[in-house]
Amino acid sequence: MRILQVSAEIFPLLKTGGLADIAGALPQALAAAGQDVRVLLPGFPQIVAGVAGLAPVAELRAPWGESARLLKGGIGAADVPAYVIDAPGLYDRPGNPYEDANRQPYGDSHKRFALLGWAAAQLAQGLDPDWQPELVHAHDWHAGLAPAYLAFADWRGRPRVRSVFTIHNLAYQGLFAPWNFTELGLPGEAFQLNGLEFHGQVSFMKAGLYFSDRLSTVSPTYAREIQTPEQGFGLDGLLRGRSGVLTGILNAVDDTVWNPASDPLLAAGYDVRRPGGKATCKAALQQALGLAVAPDAPVFTIVSRLTEQKGLPLVLDGLDTLVAQGGQLALLGSGDGWMEDAFRRRAAAAPESVSVTIGYNEPLAHQLFAGSDVTLVPSLFEPCGLTQMYGLRYGSLPLVHRVGGLADTVVDSTLEDMADGVATGFTFDEFSDAGYHRALRRAFALHARPADWRRVRATGMRRPADWGTAATAYIEMYQQALR
């Protein structure tokens, strides 16, 4: 199959979250399975700088009249073919892809990401004379207009190109003012209840949900949860109506990037059969962060956006208990200003027990998973979560709220599950301080039993999370869309 993947970011060129990891790994897994896959990306500076051998393919004119160029090159050692939309007036800006330096959304983001979907539809209609996709796979709201443009394209005399839309996080929907619709180049009939209209606004997310041929999201449990009022964010009715074409495919881990046995960013390599290097990584992490170098102190880590969705107020409220029991906390992330300040204050008050690094640092993220004992992911909701999967891979037992992909990947260390050899971490059902504290107590109790801890850690490290399995599920979904 000829497949075009459409995403706003991609690892290792540009990453603000898990979307980039998936967008980077899935094309390689599909190519390894024999598929003809290419990616389409907006021309953010990091992407333009990172795609090798960029050369012009075609001129592109946006529906509102703005000119752009379509370039083509390759990404990484695998040389994944990549199209890049060269439009400096839209993409070459300070700040991150979605917000300016003051953390405010750009006023023309409807154009910036409409152009991404528009370019995908133009490629599907033959913009590149040398290659035309059979199927367009759009990722999250940024690419949500691609299925809409395809739905309203003129396919007379040629086979219609199909579309798949993947929900990475339903909470972020790409909502814009109704008057922005006139610039999108879609017919008026697209802006209605059965279309882009969502409570009087334009919803890029809803465009993808309504107009795509098949839908997927990033875990089986999340696929069920988003069909409920509690987690549907107003779109649960639409999702229930399309449940017959909705599939939950669990994310995977790129073993070429996340592998403690071969990770060049670690102080020592290790694996499930030779775990000794993990103690070296822990000591190196404690020393580097200014924590007390104490082999017996359980190190808890957070690698996350600092938002309420991630359940981090539970961690703040329980931090005194964690430290009082001899634990240490190492955090890496950025987000809400009040939360950044709160964690900074806790680190300043107890520097040998709490370390806080604001921002994102890919090498440090690897070192945190390798040097920690527990990975904290107490999210209020979580579509899939890659953090707990990296923790499992690196022998850092996840402590999670049992929702979404967290429920699909972590088995609580109950006596029964430990006896059955399936326990991999710690879970709690009730999203409350009490629920979180009970899971925290279980983590400390198990850590005090080193032999049991090692057995659970080994089970977690062995848990399969390969992209080959995930790619097979995506290929089956693509075949369903083409049928």
Protein backbone atom coordinates (compact mmCIF):
# COMPACT_ATOMS: atom_id res chain seq x y z
CA MET A 1 0.00 0.00 0.00
CA ARG A 2 1.05 3.59 -0.62
CA ILE A 3 0.44 5.40 2.68
CA LEU A 4 0.88 9.09 3.52
CA GLN A 5 1.33 9.82 7.23
CA VAL A 6 0.40 13.41 8.20
CA SER A 7 1.63 14.84 11.48
CA ALA A 8 2.59 18.20 13.01
CA GLU A 9 5.76 16.84 14.65
CA ILE A 10 8.11 13.88 14.38
CA PHE A 11 10.95 12.42 16.46
CA PRO A 12 13.87 13.08 16.35
CA LEU A 13 13.37 16.41 14.56
CA LEU A 14 10.62 18.09 16.58
CA LYS A 15 8.98 16.76 19.73
CA THR A 16 6.60 18.28 22.26
CA GLY A 17 5.04 14.98 23.40
CA GLY A 18 4.25 11.39 22.56
CA LEU A 19 2.75 12.24 19.15
CA ALA A 20 6.26 12.83 17.79
CA ASP A 21 7.47 9.43 18.99
CA ILE A 22 4.59 7.67 17.25
CA ALA A 23 4.94 9.72 14.08
CA GLY A 24 8.63 8.85 13.96
CA ALA A 25 8.38 5.12 14.70
CA LEU A 26 5.24 4.06 12.82
CA PRO A 27 6.51 4.86 9.28
CA GLN A 28 9.67 2.84 9.90
CA ALA A 29 7.63 -0.10 11.22
CA LEU A 30 5.30 0.06 8.22
CA ALA A 31 8.25 0.22 5.81
CA ALA A 32 9.80 -2.81 7.54
CA ALA A 33 6.51 -4.62 6.92
CA GLY A 34 6.79 -3.94 3.19
CA GLN A 35 4.57 -0.87 2.90
CA ASP A 36 5.37 2.18 0.73
CA VAL A 37 5.06 4.95 3.32
CA ARG A 38 5.90 8.66 3.28
CA VAL A 39 5.32 11.45 5.77
CA LEU A 40 4.00 15.01 5.37
CA LEU A 41 5.15 17.67 7.82
CA PRO A 42 4.76 21.44 8.29
CA GLY A 43 7.96 23.38 7.63
CA PHE A 44 8.86 24.31 11.20
CA PRO A 45 12.54 25.35 11.41
CA GLN A 46 13.62 22.18 13.23
CA ILE A 47 11.97 20.03 10.57
CA VAL A 48 13.41 21.98 7.63
CA ALA A 49 16.87 21.75 9.21
CA GLY A 50 16.56 18.04 9.95
CA VAL A 51 15.20 16.62 6.70
CA ALA A 52 18.12 15.73 4.44
CA GLY A 53 18.31 16.52 0.73
CA LEU A 54 15.25 18.76 0.50
CA ALA A 55 14.33 19.51 -3.09
CA PRO A 56 11.28 21.22 -4.64
CA VAL A 57 8.39 19.02 -5.77
CA ALA A 58 5.61 21.48 -6.57
CA GLU A 59 4.11 24.88 -5.90
CA LEU A 60 1.18 24.95 -3.52
CA ARG A 61 -1.53 27.58 -3.13
CA ALA A 62 -3.61 27.61 0.06
CA PRO A 63 -7.40 28.07 -0.19
CA TRP A 64 -7.02 31.63 1.14
CA GLY A 65 -4.49 32.47 -1.59
CA GLU A 66 -1.17 32.14 0.24
CA SER A 67 1.69 30.57 -1.74
CA ALA A 68 3.89 27.77 -0.45
CA ARG A 69 6.24 25.12 -1.82
CA LEU A 70 6.22 21.38 -1.32
CA LEU A 71 9.70 19.97 -0.73
CA LYS A 72 10.85 16.38 -0.44
CA GLY A 73 13.80 14.77 1.37
CA GLY A 74 14.59 11.97 3.81
CA ILE A 75 14.62 11.50 7.59
CA GLY A 76 17.19 9.57 9.60
CA ALA A 77 19.28 6.51 8.89
CA ALA A 78 16.18 4.74 7.55
CA ASP A 79 15.82 7.58 5.03
CA VAL A 80 12.05 7.76 5.44
CA PRO A 81 10.73 9.86 2.50
CA ALA A 82 9.33 13.13 3.82
CA TYR A 83 7.37 15.96 2.25
CA VAL A 84 7.78 19.34 3.93
CA ILE A 85 5.50 22.35 3.43
CA ASP A 86 7.80 25.35 2.92
CA ALA A 87 5.77 28.35 4.14
CA PRO A 88 8.04 30.53 6.33
CA GLY A 89 5.30 33.10 6.91
CA LEU A 90 3.26 30.46 8.72
CA TYR A 91 5.86 28.22 10.32
CA ASP A 92 9.16 30.05 10.88
CA ARG A 93 8.42 31.61 14.27
CA PRO A 94 9.77 31.60 17.83
CA GLY A 95 8.08 29.51 20.49
CA ASN A 96 6.84 25.97 20.05
CA PRO A 97 4.72 24.75 17.11
CA TYR A 98 1.46 25.70 18.80
CA GLU A 99 2.22 28.72 21.02
CA ASP A 100 4.32 31.87 20.88
CA ALA A 101 7.11 32.76 23.31
CA ASN A 102 4.47 33.99 25.79
CA ARG A 103 2.63 30.64 25.65
CA GLN A 104 -0.29 32.11 23.73
CA PRO A 105 -1.81 30.26 20.76
CA TYR A 106 -0.98 31.84 17.43
CA GLY A 107 -3.87 33.83 16.02
CA ASP A 108 -3.64 32.14 12.62
CA SER A 109 -3.28 28.51 13.70
CA HIS A 110 -6.37 27.63 11.69
CA LYS A 111 -4.37 28.51 8.56
CA ARG A 112 -1.14 26.92 9.76
CA PHE A 113 -2.77 23.52 10.20
CA ALA A 114 -5.42 23.80 7.49
CA LEU A 115 -2.48 24.01 5.08
CA LEU A 116 -1.21 20.69 6.45
CA GLY A 117 -4.51 18.96 5.65
CA TRP A 118 -4.84 20.80 2.33
CA ALA A 119 -1.38 19.68 1.21
CA ALA A 120 -2.23 16.08 2.13
CA ALA A 121 -5.36 16.23 -0.02
CA GLN A 122 -3.42 17.78 -2.91
CA LEU A 123 -0.86 14.96 -2.75
CA ALA A 124 -3.73 12.48 -2.78
CA GLN A 125 -4.95 14.13 -5.99
CA GLY A 126 -1.59 13.92 -7.77
CA LEU A 127 0.42 16.98 -6.69
CA ASP A 128 3.60 14.87 -6.90
CA PRO A 129 3.55 13.26 -10.37
CA ASP A 130 5.96 10.54 -9.18
CA TRP A 131 3.96 9.28 -6.18
CA GLN A 132 0.33 9.29 -5.11
CA PRO A 133 -0.98 7.72 -1.88
CA GLU A 134 -3.81 5.21 -1.77
CA LEU A 135 -4.51 6.15 1.83
CA VAL A 136 -3.91 9.23 4.01
CA HIS A 137 -3.33 8.65 7.74
CA ALA A 138 -3.92 11.90 9.64
CA HIS A 139 -2.70 12.24 13.23
CA ASP A 140 -4.60 14.35 15.77
CA TRP A 141 -6.43 17.64 15.28
CA HIS A 142 -3.55 19.35 13.47
CA ALA A 143 -4.15 17.06 10.49
CA GLY A 144 -7.91 16.78 11.04
CA LEU A 145 -8.92 18.71 7.92
CA ALA A 146 -7.20 16.20 5.60
CA PRO A 147 -10.17 13.76 5.69
CA ALA A 148 -12.58 16.68 5.11
CA TYR A 149 -10.69 17.95 2.07
CA LEU A 150 -10.58 14.39 0.71
CA ALA A 151 -14.31 13.93 1.31
CA PHE A 152 -15.15 17.01 -0.81
CA ALA A 153 -12.55 16.44 -3.55
CA ASP A 154 -13.65 15.65 -7.10
CA TRP A 155 -12.83 11.99 -7.70
CA ARG A 156 -14.67 11.57 -11.00
CA GLY A 157 -12.76 9.25 -13.29
CA ARG A 158 -10.23 8.12 -10.65
CA PRO A 159 -10.23 5.98 -7.50
CA ARG A 160 -11.01 7.85 -4.30
CA VAL A 161 -8.13 8.02 -1.83
CA ARG A 162 -9.22 6.78 1.59
CA SER A 163 -8.44 8.26 4.99
CA VAL A 164 -7.70 7.14 8.53
CA PHE A 165 -7.73 9.53 11.49
CA THR A 166 -5.97 8.77 14.78
CA ILE A 167 -7.01 10.46 18.03
CA HIS A 168 -3.96 10.96 20.23
CA ASN A 169 -5.73 13.11 22.83
CA LEU A 170 -9.39 14.08 22.51
CA ALA A 171 -8.99 16.90 25.04
CA TYR A 172 -7.13 19.01 22.46
CA GLN A 173 -9.57 19.63 19.63
CA GLY A 174 -8.33 22.53 17.49
CA LEU A 175 -11.30 24.86 18.01
CA PHE A 176 -11.52 28.11 16.03
CA ALA A 177 -13.96 30.96 15.51
CA PRO A 178 -16.79 30.36 13.03
CA TRP A 179 -15.61 33.17 10.75
CA ASN A 180 -12.35 31.29 10.19
CA PHE A 181 -14.33 28.70 8.22
CA THR A 182 -14.58 30.98 5.18
CA GLU A 183 -10.80 30.77 4.70
CA LEU A 184 -10.58 26.98 4.70
CA GLY A 185 -11.74 26.31 1.15
CA LEU A 186 -14.50 23.88 2.14
CA PRO A 187 -18.09 24.13 0.89
CA GLY A 188 -20.70 25.63 3.20
CA GLU A 189 -22.31 22.25 3.77
CA ALA A 190 -19.19 21.17 5.67
CA PHE A 191 -19.97 23.63 8.48
CA GLN A 192 -22.95 21.95 10.09
CA LEU A 193 -23.73 19.47 12.85
CA ASN A 194 -22.78 16.61 10.52
CA GLY A 195 -19.40 18.19 9.81
CA LEU A 196 -16.98 20.68 11.36
CA GLU A 197 -19.45 22.67 13.46
CA PHE A 198 -19.08 22.16 17.22
CA HIS A 199 -21.13 24.44 19.49
CA GLY A 200 -20.83 27.25 16.96
CA GLN A 201 -17.09 26.84 16.46
CA VAL A 202 -14.94 25.16 13.83
CA SER A 203 -13.48 21.90 15.17
CA PHE A 204 -10.54 20.34 13.34
CA MET A 205 -10.84 17.28 15.58
CA LYS A 206 -14.47 16.79 14.64
CA ALA A 207 -13.56 17.10 10.96
CA GLY A 208 -11.25 14.12 11.32
CA LEU A 209 -13.77 12.14 13.36
CA TYR A 210 -16.67 12.73 10.97
CA PHE A 211 -15.10 12.59 7.51
CA SER A 212 -12.46 9.85 7.82
CA ASP A 213 -13.14 6.34 6.53
CA ARG A 214 -11.69 4.68 9.64
CA LEU A 215 -10.88 5.94 13.13
CA SER A 216 -8.26 4.78 15.58
CA THR A 217 -6.97 5.79 18.95
CA VAL A 218 -3.92 4.79 20.90
CA SER A 219 -5.24 2.14 23.30
CA PRO A 220 -8.22 -0.23 23.49
CA THR A 221 -9.41 1.12 26.84
CA TYR A 222 -9.28 4.74 25.64
CA ALA A 223 -11.33 3.74 22.58
CA ARG A 224 -14.10 2.70 24.99
CA GLU A 225 -13.67 5.64 27.37
CA ILE A 226 -14.05 8.36 24.71
CA GLN A 227 -17.51 7.00 23.89
CA THR A 228 -18.69 8.08 27.37
CA PRO A 229 -19.80 11.56 28.49
CA GLU A 230 -17.07 11.57 31.13
CA GLN A 231 -14.22 11.36 28.63
CA GLY A 232 -15.87 12.21 25.32
CA PHE A 233 -15.41 16.01 25.65
CA GLY A 234 -18.73 16.56 23.91
CA LEU A 235 -17.90 14.22 21.03
CA ASP A 236 -18.96 10.95 22.65
CA GLY A 237 -22.23 10.82 20.68
CA LEU A 238 -20.39 11.09 17.38
CA LEU A 239 -17.88 8.46 18.50
CA ARG A 240 -20.61 6.06 19.61
CA GLY A 241 -22.22 6.54 16.22
CA ARG A 242 -18.94 5.63 14.51
CA SER A 243 -17.95 2.87 16.94
CA GLY A 244 -18.11 0.33 14.12
CA VAL A 245 -15.09 1.93 12.42
CA LEU A 246 -13.19 2.84 15.61
CA THR A 247 -10.18 0.74 16.63
CA GLY A 248 -7.92 1.02 19.68
CA ILE A 249 -4.32 0.16 18.78
CA LEU A 250 -1.87 0.29 21.65
CA ASN A 251 1.23 2.40 21.09
CA ALA A 252 4.61 0.69 21.08
CA VAL A 253 8.20 1.48 22.00
CA ASP A 254 10.91 2.11 19.42
CA ASP A 255 13.57 -0.39 20.50
CA THR A 256 16.26 1.42 18.51
CA VAL A 257 15.76 4.49 20.72
CA TRP A 258 14.53 3.08 24.05
CA ASN A 259 16.70 0.10 24.95
CA PRO A 260 18.73 0.10 28.18
CA ALA A 261 21.11 -2.53 26.82
CA SER A 262 22.30 -0.30 23.97
CA ASP A 263 21.31 3.24 25.04
CA PRO A 264 24.40 5.45 24.59
CA LEU A 265 22.97 8.08 26.95
CA LEU A 266 23.31 5.87 30.06
CA ALA A 267 26.15 5.53 32.53
CA ALA A 268 25.97 1.75 32.06
CA GLY A 269 23.99 -0.63 29.92
CA TYR A 270 21.82 -3.40 31.35
CA ASP A 271 18.98 -5.74 30.47
CA VAL A 272 16.65 -8.15 32.22
CA ARG A 273 19.30 -10.91 32.38
CA ARG A 274 22.14 -8.58 33.41
CA PRO A 275 20.45 -5.89 35.52
CA GLY A 276 23.55 -4.76 37.44
CA GLY A 277 24.07 -1.63 35.34
CA LYS A 278 20.84 -0.13 36.66
CA ALA A 279 22.45 0.48 40.08
CA THR A 280 25.27 2.34 38.31
CA CYS A 281 22.70 4.44 36.45
CA LYS A 282 20.90 5.22 39.70
CA ALA A 283 24.05 6.40 41.47
CA ALA A 284 25.04 8.51 38.45
CA LEU A 285 21.58 10.09 38.33
CA GLN A 286 21.54 10.91 42.04
CA GLN A 287 24.97 12.49 41.79
CA ALA A 288 24.14 14.48 38.66
CA LEU A 289 20.93 15.88 40.16
CA GLY A 290 22.39 16.68 43.58
CA LEU A 291 20.28 14.07 45.33
CA ALA A 292 21.72 12.09 48.21
CA VAL A 293 23.60 9.14 46.73
CA ALA A 294 21.70 6.45 48.61
CA PRO A 295 21.36 3.04 46.93
CA ASP A 296 18.49 1.98 49.19
CA ALA A 297 16.39 5.12 48.70
CA PRO A 298 13.67 4.47 46.11
CA VAL A 299 13.85 7.10 43.38
CA PHE A 300 10.51 8.14 41.89
CA THR A 301 10.55 9.97 38.57
CA ILE A 302 8.16 12.14 36.56
CA VAL A 303 8.77 12.89 32.87
CA SER A 304 5.69 14.80 31.82
CA ARG A 305 3.87 17.89 30.75
CA LEU A 306 3.02 19.70 33.98
CA THR A 307 -0.76 19.91 33.71
CA GLU A 308 -3.67 18.89 35.88
CA GLN A 309 -4.57 16.17 33.35
CA LYS A 310 -1.37 14.37 34.38
CA GLY A 311 -2.58 14.07 38.00
CA LEU A 312 0.42 15.91 39.38
CA PRO A 313 -1.48 17.70 42.18
CA LEU A 314 -1.70 14.23 43.73
CA VAL A 315 2.10 14.02 43.65
CA LEU A 316 2.48 17.49 45.19
CA ASP A 317 0.02 16.64 47.97
CA GLY A 318 1.81 13.34 48.66
CA LEU A 319 5.38 14.62 48.42
CA ASP A 320 5.88 15.05 52.16
CA THR A 321 4.85 11.42 52.68
CA LEU A 322 7.17 10.22 49.90
CA VAL A 323 10.18 12.05 51.36
CA ALA A 324 9.33 11.10 54.96
CA GLN A 325 9.48 7.43 54.00
CA GLY A 326 12.96 7.87 52.55
CA GLY A 327 12.01 8.31 48.90
CA GLN A 328 13.42 10.76 46.39
CA LEU A 329 11.68 12.54 43.50
CA ALA A 330 13.30 13.54 40.19
CA LEU A 331 11.10 15.52 37.81
CA LEU A 332 11.56 16.67 34.23
CA GLY A 333 8.87 18.67 32.47
CA SER A 334 7.21 21.99 31.79
CA GLY A 335 3.68 23.31 31.61
CA ASP A 336 1.40 25.29 33.90
CA GLY A 337 3.33 28.10 35.59
CA TRP A 338 1.82 27.56 39.02
CA MET A 339 2.78 23.89 38.94
CA GLU A 340 6.33 24.61 37.80
CA ASP A 341 6.69 27.08 40.70
CA ALA A 342 5.22 24.63 43.22
CA PHE A 343 7.66 21.88 42.29
CA ARG A 344 10.58 24.33 42.24
CA ARG A 345 9.74 25.40 45.80
CA ARG A 346 9.68 21.80 46.97
CA ALA A 347 13.06 21.16 45.39
CA ALA A 348 14.55 24.27 47.01
CA ALA A 349 13.26 23.15 50.42
CA ALA A 350 14.70 19.62 50.17
CA PRO A 351 17.45 19.56 47.51
CA GLU A 352 18.85 16.18 48.59
CA SER A 353 15.43 14.55 48.19
CA VAL A 354 13.72 16.47 45.37
CA SER A 355 15.14 17.48 41.99
CA VAL A 356 13.17 19.52 39.47
CA THR A 357 14.28 20.28 35.91
CA ILE A 358 11.93 22.56 33.99
CA GLY A 359 11.94 22.10 30.23
CA TYR A 360 12.59 19.06 28.09
CA ASN A 361 15.89 17.25 27.78
CA GLU A 362 15.89 14.00 25.80
CA PRO A 363 19.16 12.59 27.27
CA LEU A 364 18.00 13.35 30.80
CA ALA A 365 14.67 11.62 30.13
CA HIS A 366 16.52 8.41 29.27
CA GLN A 367 18.72 8.76 32.36
CA LEU A 368 15.68 9.30 34.59
CA PHE A 369 14.02 6.08 33.50
CA ALA A 370 17.29 4.16 33.85
CA GLY A 371 18.18 5.62 37.25
CA SER A 372 14.78 5.53 38.90
CA ASP A 373 12.90 2.77 40.67
CA VAL A 374 9.34 4.02 40.07
CA THR A 375 7.81 6.05 37.22
CA LEU A 376 4.84 8.14 38.36
CA VAL A 377 1.95 8.52 35.88
CA PRO A 378 -1.14 9.30 38.02
CA SER A 379 -3.05 10.89 35.13
CA LEU A 380 -6.70 11.87 35.47
CA PHE A 381 -7.10 10.45 31.95
CA GLU A 382 -4.47 9.08 29.57
CA PRO A 383 -5.10 8.03 25.96
CA CYS A 384 -2.11 5.70 25.96
CA GLY A 385 0.91 7.09 27.71
CA LEU A 386 4.42 6.27 26.59
CA THR A 387 6.09 7.25 29.86
CA GLN A 388 4.94 4.12 31.70
CA MET A 389 6.06 1.99 28.75
CA TYR A 390 9.53 3.55 28.82
CA GLY A 391 9.58 2.97 32.58
CA LEU A 392 8.74 -0.72 32.09
CA ARG A 393 11.42 -1.06 29.43
CA TYR A 394 14.04 0.46 31.75
CA GLY A 395 13.00 -1.39 34.90
CA SER A 396 11.32 1.60 36.57
CA LEU A 397 8.02 0.21 37.86
CA PRO A 398 5.07 2.44 36.84
CA LEU A 399 2.67 3.77 39.44
CA VAL A 400 -0.45 4.77 37.51
CA HIS A 401 -4.11 5.69 37.70
CA ARG A 402 -5.85 2.77 35.99
CA VAL A 403 -7.35 4.52 32.97
CA GLY A 404 -6.80 4.45 29.20
CA GLY A 405 -3.54 2.97 28.03
CA LEU A 406 -2.26 2.90 31.61
CA ALA A 407 -4.87 0.23 32.36
CA ASP A 408 -3.80 -1.68 29.25
CA THR A 409 -0.08 -1.75 30.09
CA VAL A 410 0.37 -1.94 33.89
CA VAL A 411 -0.71 -4.82 36.16
CA ASP A 412 -0.92 -4.06 39.89
CA SER A 413 1.44 -5.86 42.27
CA THR A 414 -1.25 -7.67 44.20
CA LEU A 415 -0.37 -10.94 45.86
CA GLU A 416 -2.44 -12.82 43.28
CA ASP A 417 -0.83 -11.16 40.27
CA MET A 418 2.64 -11.54 41.75
CA ALA A 419 1.94 -15.23 42.31
CA ASP A 420 0.81 -15.54 38.68
CA GLY A 421 3.94 -13.74 37.49
CA VAL A 422 2.05 -10.94 35.69
CA ALA A 423 2.53 -7.97 38.08
CA THR A 424 4.45 -5.05 36.54
CA GLY A 425 3.79 -2.01 38.74
CA PHE A 426 1.21 -0.27 40.92
CA THR A 427 -2.27 0.97 40.01
CA PHE A 428 -5.11 2.82 41.73
CA ASP A 429 -8.75 3.12 40.63
CA GLU A 430 -10.06 6.04 42.68
CA PHE A 431 -8.59 9.34 41.47
CA SER A 432 -8.01 10.84 44.91
CA ASP A 433 -5.25 11.51 47.41
CA ALA A 434 -6.32 8.37 49.26
CA GLY A 435 -6.15 6.20 46.16
CA TYR A 436 -2.74 7.55 45.18
CA HIS A 437 -1.37 7.17 48.74
CA ARG A 438 -2.41 3.51 48.90
CA ALA A 439 -0.52 2.80 45.68
CA LEU A 440 2.47 4.72 47.03
CA ARG A 441 2.43 2.60 50.18
CA ARG A 442 2.44 -0.58 48.08
CA ALA A 443 5.45 0.70 46.16
CA PHE A 444 7.42 1.30 49.36
CA ALA A 445 6.30 -2.05 50.80
CA LEU A 446 7.45 -3.96 47.72
CA HIS A 447 10.73 -2.03 47.55
CA ALA A 448 11.46 -3.27 51.09
CA ARG A 449 11.33 -6.85 49.71
CA PRO A 450 14.22 -6.83 47.21
CA ALA A 451 13.68 -10.34 45.82
CA ASP A 452 10.00 -9.66 45.03
CA TRP A 453 10.91 -6.26 43.60
CA ARG A 454 13.42 -7.84 41.23
CA ARG A 455 10.86 -10.38 40.04
CA VAL A 456 8.24 -7.73 39.29
CA ARG A 457 10.86 -5.54 37.61
CA ALA A 458 11.94 -8.43 35.38
CA THR A 459 8.33 -9.12 34.39
CA GLY A 460 7.89 -5.47 33.41
CA MET A 461 11.09 -5.38 31.39
CA ARG A 462 10.00 -8.49 29.47
CA ARG A 463 6.59 -7.04 28.57
CA PRO A 464 6.34 -6.99 24.76
CA ALA A 465 5.80 -3.52 23.28
CA ASP A 466 7.16 -3.92 19.77
CA TRP A 467 6.22 -1.84 16.75
CA GLY A 468 5.96 -4.91 14.56
CA THR A 469 2.77 -5.97 16.36
CA ALA A 470 1.35 -2.45 16.25
CA ALA A 471 2.21 -2.05 12.56
CA THR A 472 0.33 -5.28 11.77
CA ALA A 473 -2.79 -3.85 13.46
CA TYR A 474 -2.47 -0.58 11.51
CA ILE A 475 -2.06 -2.45 8.22
CA GLU A 476 -5.22 -4.44 8.91
CA MET A 477 -7.09 -1.17 9.60
CA TYR A 478 -5.74 0.37 6.36
CA GLN A 479 -6.96 -2.67 4.42
CA GLN A 480 -10.41 -2.27 5.98
CA ALA A 481 -10.45 1.41 4.92
CA LEU A 482 -9.48 0.52 1.35
CA ARG A 483 -12.20 -2.16 1.21
